[in-house]
Amino acid sequence: MNTTTIAAPVDDPHVELWRFERLRAAHCPPDVAMTLATSRDVDLHRALGLLAGGCPPETAQDILL
């Protein structure tokens, strides 16, 4: 069986909101969460991993952008 996954673009408001909510749930401040959530270059899983590992949100933002 061949299945195809179509990823929604990051600039889709629903995707951005979902990413923002995930970052906020990881205790990321709203301003940093919004910047990371709306950036096409940020891998959400990497961001969440950095935060889970104790990286301060601002430092994670510097690393990811």
Protein backbone atom coordinates (compact mmCIF):
# COMPACT_ATOMS: atom_id res chain seq x y z
CA MET A 1 0.00 0.00 0.00
CA ASN A 2 1.40 3.37 -0.98
CA THR A 3 0.49 6.29 1.28
CA THR A 4 1.35 9.90 0.79
CA THR A 5 1.65 12.43 3.57
CA ILE A 6 1.07 16.04 2.69
CA ALA A 7 2.60 18.46 5.15
CA ALA A 8 0.79 21.73 5.74
CA PRO A 9 2.95 24.78 5.13
CA VAL A 10 4.29 26.47 8.26
CA ASP A 11 2.53 29.69 7.33
CA ASP A 12 -0.83 27.92 7.68
CA PRO A 13 -2.49 29.65 10.67
CA HIS A 14 -3.65 26.32 12.09
CA VAL A 15 -0.13 24.89 11.98
CA GLU A 16 1.35 28.04 13.49
CA LEU A 17 -1.20 27.98 16.31
CA TRP A 18 -0.52 24.29 16.97
CA ARG A 19 3.24 24.92 17.04
CA PHE A 20 2.73 27.93 19.33
CA GLU A 21 0.59 25.87 21.73
CA ARG A 22 3.19 23.08 21.84
CA LEU A 23 5.94 25.57 22.64
CA ARG A 24 3.83 27.28 25.32
CA ALA A 25 3.10 23.87 26.87
CA ALA A 26 6.89 23.45 27.09
CA HIS A 27 7.00 26.68 29.17
CA CYS A 28 8.31 28.87 26.38
CA PRO A 29 7.43 32.58 26.86
CA PRO A 30 4.81 33.88 24.41
CA ASP A 31 7.17 36.12 22.44
CA VAL A 32 9.77 33.40 21.91
CA ALA A 33 7.07 30.80 21.21
CA MET A 34 5.53 33.02 18.53
CA THR A 35 8.89 33.65 16.86
CA LEU A 36 9.75 29.95 16.78
CA ALA A 37 6.23 28.85 15.80
CA THR A 38 6.08 31.13 12.77
CA SER A 39 9.59 30.51 11.46
CA ARG A 40 9.85 28.10 8.53
CA ASP A 41 13.45 27.33 9.48
CA VAL A 42 12.70 26.02 12.97
CA ASP A 43 12.29 22.29 13.53
CA LEU A 44 9.63 22.06 16.25
CA HIS A 45 10.90 18.71 17.53
CA ARG A 46 14.40 20.12 17.93
CA ALA A 47 13.01 23.18 19.73
CA LEU A 48 10.99 21.03 22.10
CA GLY A 49 14.01 18.80 22.68
CA LEU A 50 16.18 21.76 23.62
CA LEU A 51 13.53 23.06 26.01
CA ALA A 52 13.00 19.62 27.54
CA GLY A 53 16.75 19.34 28.05
CA GLY A 54 16.76 22.49 30.16
CA CYS A 55 17.89 24.98 27.55
CA PRO A 56 16.54 28.47 28.32
CA PRO A 57 13.96 29.52 25.70
CA GLU A 58 15.96 32.56 24.58
CA THR A 59 19.07 30.42 24.10
CA ALA A 60 17.05 27.84 22.16
CA GLN A 61 15.80 30.65 19.95
CA ASP A 62 19.38 31.83 19.33
CA ILE A 63 20.44 28.27 18.46
CA LEU A 64 17.52 27.61 16.13
CA LEU A 65 17.45 30.88 14.22
